[in-house]
């Protein structure tokens, strides 16, 4: 996957991203483009990306935000760096790049059942998309 590739966005991802606070939307989009898209599979050996099984992955945006941004030489306003953010982006690695399936505001909605529902929704969408190929 090249760093010039663009991610593909499902309608569900775009809807869920739109539900995030505006400044968090900007931050999530920047993290997807500047970190996930550029480093892709290399992130799988660290704590930012976690496999959820059957080709579904989770990009973890949150507590280590400042160090991640510094490592990729990205600067943002201090207000955003110190804002509490805990978002999960569900995606898959595809031949032509990254496909964004959903996102989840863990800070607002917590873990547990709500997060499992979001993961299951992303997994079902991925299966549907792959059946249609």
Protein backbone atom coordinates (compact mmCIF):
# COMPACT_ATOMS: atom_id res chain seq x y z
CA UNK A 1 0.00 0.00 0.00
CA UNK A 2 1.50 3.32 -1.00
CA UNK A 3 1.39 6.46 1.09
CA UNK A 4 -0.36 8.28 -1.75
CA UNK A 5 -3.39 5.98 -1.68
CA UNK A 6 -6.68 7.37 -0.43
CA UNK A 7 -8.81 5.49 2.03
CA UNK A 8 -12.23 4.28 1.01
CA UNK A 9 -15.08 5.37 3.28
CA UNK A 10 -18.26 3.41 3.88
CA UNK A 11 -21.43 5.46 4.31
CA UNK A 12 -21.66 4.04 7.83
CA UNK A 13 -18.19 5.32 8.69
CA UNK A 14 -19.01 8.80 7.39
CA UNK A 15 -22.26 8.85 9.38
CA UNK A 16 -20.54 7.79 12.58
CA UNK A 17 -17.65 10.21 12.07
CA UNK A 18 -20.16 13.03 11.62
CA UNK A 19 -21.61 12.18 15.07
CA UNK A 20 -18.27 13.02 16.70
CA UNK A 21 -17.66 16.56 18.01
CA UNK A 22 -16.28 18.75 15.17
CA UNK A 23 -12.77 19.08 16.62
CA UNK A 24 -12.62 15.32 17.19
CA UNK A 25 -13.74 14.74 13.59
CA UNK A 26 -10.80 16.82 12.38
CA UNK A 27 -8.41 14.97 14.63
CA UNK A 28 -9.69 11.53 13.61
CA UNK A 29 -9.50 12.40 9.90
CA UNK A 30 -5.95 13.69 10.35
CA UNK A 31 -4.90 10.56 12.26
CA UNK A 32 -6.39 8.33 9.56
CA UNK A 33 -4.63 10.23 6.77
CA UNK A 34 -1.32 11.00 8.48
CA UNK A 35 -0.80 7.85 10.56
CA UNK A 36 -3.01 4.92 9.52
CA UNK A 37 -2.87 5.50 5.77
CA UNK A 38 0.87 6.16 5.69
CA UNK A 39 2.03 3.43 8.07
CA UNK A 40 -0.73 0.86 7.54
CA UNK A 41 0.38 -2.68 8.33
CA UNK A 42 3.54 -1.45 10.09
CA UNK A 43 1.26 -0.28 12.91
CA UNK A 44 0.02 -3.82 13.51
CA UNK A 45 3.09 -4.64 15.59
CA UNK A 46 2.36 -1.81 18.04
CA UNK A 47 -0.52 -0.73 20.22
CA UNK A 48 -2.26 1.61 17.75
CA UNK A 49 -3.77 -1.11 15.59
CA UNK A 50 -5.43 -4.26 16.90
CA UNK A 51 -6.76 -7.21 14.88
CA UNK A 52 -10.39 -8.03 15.66
CA UNK A 53 -10.50 -11.16 13.49
CA UNK A 54 -11.69 -12.08 10.01
CA UNK A 55 -9.94 -9.11 8.39
CA UNK A 56 -11.41 -6.47 10.70
CA UNK A 57 -8.97 -4.12 12.44
CA UNK A 58 -9.26 -1.41 15.06
CA UNK A 59 -7.21 1.83 14.92
CA UNK A 60 -6.96 3.19 18.46
CA UNK A 61 -6.90 6.97 18.79
CA UNK A 62 -6.55 8.23 22.30
CA UNK A 63 -4.38 8.42 25.33
CA UNK A 64 -1.05 8.35 23.50
CA UNK A 65 -2.12 11.03 21.01
CA UNK A 66 0.69 13.49 21.71
CA UNK A 67 3.47 10.92 21.25
CA UNK A 68 1.89 9.52 18.08
CA UNK A 69 1.62 12.97 16.50
CA UNK A 70 5.19 13.79 17.46
CA UNK A 71 6.48 10.54 15.94
CA UNK A 72 4.92 11.37 12.57
CA UNK A 73 5.98 15.01 12.78
CA UNK A 74 2.44 16.38 12.81
CA UNK A 75 1.59 19.43 14.86
CA UNK A 76 -1.87 20.56 15.89
CA UNK A 77 -3.18 23.14 18.28
CA UNK A 78 -2.42 22.60 21.95
CA UNK A 79 -6.15 22.56 22.69
CA UNK A 80 -6.55 19.43 20.55
CA UNK A 81 -3.42 17.72 21.84
CA UNK A 82 -4.64 17.94 25.42
CA UNK A 83 -8.31 17.22 24.69
CA UNK A 84 -9.53 13.88 25.99
CA UNK A 85 -10.11 11.68 22.95
CA UNK A 86 -10.80 7.97 22.85
CA UNK A 87 -12.02 6.89 19.42
CA UNK A 88 -11.86 3.53 17.70
CA UNK A 89 -11.82 3.37 13.90
CA UNK A 90 -12.82 0.01 12.41
CA UNK A 91 -11.25 -0.79 9.04
CA UNK A 92 -9.87 -3.47 6.75
CA UNK A 93 -6.71 -3.72 4.70
CA UNK A 94 -7.70 -4.20 1.07
CA UNK A 95 -5.64 -4.62 -2.12
CA UNK A 96 -6.22 -1.01 -3.09
CA UNK A 97 -5.75 0.49 0.37
CA UNK A 98 -7.65 0.91 3.59
CA UNK A 99 -11.43 0.63 3.81
CA UNK A 100 -12.97 2.54 6.73
CA UNK A 101 -16.03 0.71 8.05
CA UNK A 102 -17.01 2.54 11.22
CA UNK A 103 -15.86 4.57 14.18
CA UNK A 104 -16.80 4.59 17.82
CA UNK A 105 -16.51 7.29 20.48
CA UNK A 106 -15.38 5.20 23.42
CA UNK A 107 -15.01 8.25 25.65
CA UNK A 108 -18.70 9.11 25.21
CA UNK A 109 -20.21 5.63 24.88
CA UNK A 110 -17.85 3.53 27.02
CA UNK A 111 -16.79 -0.04 26.34
CA UNK A 112 -18.70 -3.23 26.85
CA UNK A 113 -21.96 -3.89 25.06
CA UNK A 114 -22.07 -0.65 23.05
CA UNK A 115 -18.55 -1.17 21.74
CA UNK A 116 -19.28 -4.81 20.90
CA UNK A 117 -22.34 -3.71 18.91
CA UNK A 118 -20.18 -1.24 16.96
CA UNK A 119 -17.61 -3.95 16.24
CA UNK A 120 -20.31 -6.40 15.13
CA UNK A 121 -21.84 -3.78 12.85
CA UNK A 122 -18.44 -3.12 11.24
CA UNK A 123 -17.81 -6.86 10.89
CA UNK A 124 -21.20 -7.41 9.22
CA UNK A 125 -20.53 -4.52 6.82
CA UNK A 126 -17.12 -5.98 5.93
CA UNK A 127 -18.67 -9.39 5.21
CA UNK A 128 -21.35 -7.79 3.04
CA UNK A 129 -18.77 -5.79 1.08
CA UNK A 130 -16.57 -8.83 0.51
CA UNK A 131 -19.53 -10.95 -0.65
CA UNK A 132 -20.37 -8.27 -3.23
CA UNK A 133 -16.84 -8.26 -4.73
